[in-house]
Amino acid sequence: MNDRRSRLLMAALSLGLLLAAPSPDSSLLLAQTTLAPATKPAQTVSEKIAASKDLLDLNTATPAQLKALPGMGDAYVQRIIAGRPYTAKNQLVQRGILPQDAYAKIKDQIIAHRPK
């Protein structure tokens, strides 16, 4: 039994699990380790595709869908539609279709799928 206790003690020490040194008449006091939050792994291609289905595609959105975006009025909607097709959503700013502040309001809700 003493050999087993020594092995458990050594294993606990090597894993950093020991809370207090055990007394000869008590059992080992082990605690669950608190792991630091893991960083979010990079999205796989299939996860990106699934996430993009929740976003509004600039190339296929209807005027009503575009107008539902924050800060989008009739003039901006018409400019977006007239500028199609887009290969990247930041082309709204690069081409002068939207000012940076209007783009910042909607950039997390839109996507530009490459036209086929």
Protein backbone atom coordinates (compact mmCIF):
# COMPACT_ATOMS: atom_id res chain seq x y z
CA MET A 1 0.00 0.00 0.00
CA ASN A 2 2.81 2.40 0.83
CA ASP A 3 4.42 1.87 -2.60
CA ARG A 4 1.08 2.62 -4.30
CA ARG A 5 0.67 5.77 -2.22
CA SER A 6 4.15 6.93 -3.21
CA ARG A 7 3.39 6.40 -6.90
CA LEU A 8 0.12 8.34 -6.58
CA LEU A 9 1.91 11.12 -4.74
CA MET A 10 4.59 11.33 -7.44
CA ALA A 11 1.98 11.32 -10.20
CA ALA A 12 0.00 14.06 -8.46
CA LEU A 13 3.11 16.17 -7.98
CA SER A 14 4.15 15.77 -11.61
CA LEU A 15 0.71 16.83 -12.79
CA GLY A 16 0.47 19.71 -10.32
CA LEU A 17 -2.64 18.25 -8.73
CA LEU A 18 -1.53 18.10 -5.10
CA LEU A 19 -3.24 20.56 -2.77
CA ALA A 20 -1.58 19.73 0.48
CA ALA A 21 1.01 17.26 1.61
CA PRO A 22 -0.79 14.17 2.85
CA SER A 23 -0.29 13.12 6.40
CA PRO A 24 0.47 9.45 7.05
CA ASP A 25 -3.03 8.89 8.40
CA SER A 26 -4.99 10.74 5.70
CA SER A 27 -5.65 10.03 2.08
CA LEU A 28 -4.24 12.10 -0.74
CA LEU A 29 -5.95 15.40 -1.31
CA LEU A 30 -6.20 15.99 -5.02
CA ALA A 31 -7.93 18.82 -6.75
CA GLN A 32 -9.22 19.16 -10.25
CA THR A 33 -6.98 21.36 -12.26
CA THR A 34 -8.38 24.51 -13.71
CA LEU A 35 -7.27 24.68 -17.28
CA ALA A 36 -6.82 27.97 -19.01
CA PRO A 37 -9.45 28.53 -21.67
CA ALA A 38 -8.28 27.06 -24.92
CA THR A 39 -7.93 29.39 -27.81
CA LYS A 40 -10.59 28.99 -30.43
CA PRO A 41 -9.31 26.74 -33.20
CA ALA A 42 -9.30 28.10 -36.71
CA GLN A 43 -12.53 27.53 -38.62
CA THR A 44 -12.56 24.68 -41.06
CA VAL A 45 -13.78 25.25 -44.61
CA SER A 46 -17.08 23.50 -43.86
CA GLU A 47 -17.60 25.68 -40.76
CA LYS A 48 -16.96 28.81 -42.85
CA ILE A 49 -19.50 27.67 -45.43
CA ALA A 50 -22.08 26.97 -42.74
CA ALA A 51 -21.47 30.35 -41.12
CA SER A 52 -21.70 32.14 -44.47
CA LYS A 53 -25.23 30.81 -44.98
CA ASP A 54 -26.32 33.01 -42.08
CA LEU A 55 -24.93 36.10 -43.80
CA LEU A 56 -26.61 38.19 -46.47
CA ASP A 57 -24.96 37.78 -49.88
CA LEU A 58 -24.44 41.15 -51.57
CA ASN A 59 -24.72 39.57 -55.02
CA THR A 60 -28.12 37.94 -54.51
CA ALA A 61 -29.86 39.98 -51.79
CA THR A 62 -33.16 41.63 -52.65
CA PRO A 63 -33.61 45.38 -52.12
CA ALA A 64 -35.85 44.63 -49.11
CA GLN A 65 -33.16 42.44 -47.53
CA LEU A 66 -30.50 45.09 -48.05
CA LYS A 67 -32.74 47.82 -46.67
CA ALA A 68 -33.24 45.76 -43.49
CA LEU A 69 -29.53 46.17 -42.69
CA PRO A 70 -28.68 48.94 -40.20
CA GLY A 71 -28.24 52.37 -41.78
CA MET A 72 -29.28 51.27 -45.27
CA GLY A 73 -31.63 53.61 -47.09
CA ASP A 74 -32.95 53.52 -50.65
CA ALA A 75 -29.93 55.36 -52.08
CA TYR A 76 -27.37 52.98 -50.54
CA VAL A 77 -29.42 49.94 -51.56
CA GLN A 78 -29.58 51.13 -55.19
CA ARG A 79 -25.84 51.84 -55.23
CA ILE A 80 -25.08 48.34 -53.86
CA ILE A 81 -27.28 46.68 -56.49
CA ALA A 82 -25.83 48.81 -59.31
CA GLY A 83 -22.27 47.84 -58.29
CA ARG A 84 -22.81 44.08 -58.56
CA PRO A 85 -21.10 41.65 -58.81
CA TYR A 86 -18.76 41.74 -55.83
CA THR A 87 -15.96 39.31 -55.10
CA ALA A 88 -15.30 40.69 -51.61
CA LYS A 89 -17.54 42.59 -49.24
CA ASN A 90 -14.94 45.32 -48.64
CA GLN A 91 -15.39 46.36 -52.27
CA LEU A 92 -18.34 48.41 -51.02
CA VAL A 93 -15.79 50.82 -49.54
CA GLN A 94 -13.04 50.33 -52.13
CA ARG A 95 -15.40 51.24 -54.98
CA GLY A 96 -16.89 54.19 -53.09
CA ILE A 97 -20.37 52.64 -52.88
CA LEU A 98 -20.59 53.04 -49.10
CA PRO A 99 -18.65 55.27 -46.71
CA GLN A 100 -16.52 53.46 -44.11
CA ASP A 101 -18.89 54.19 -41.20
CA ALA A 102 -21.92 52.74 -43.04
CA TYR A 103 -19.87 49.67 -44.03
CA ALA A 104 -18.70 49.19 -40.43
CA LYS A 105 -22.34 48.87 -39.32
CA ILE A 106 -23.10 46.00 -41.71
CA LYS A 107 -19.79 44.21 -42.35
CA ASP A 108 -20.50 41.42 -39.85
CA GLN A 109 -23.86 40.67 -41.45
CA ILE A 110 -22.88 40.44 -45.12
CA ILE A 111 -20.78 38.33 -47.44
CA ALA A 112 -19.92 38.44 -51.14
CA HIS A 113 -19.93 34.97 -52.64
CA ARG A 114 -17.94 34.93 -55.82
CA PRO A 115 -20.23 34.96 -58.85
CA LYS A 116 -20.24 31.74 -60.83
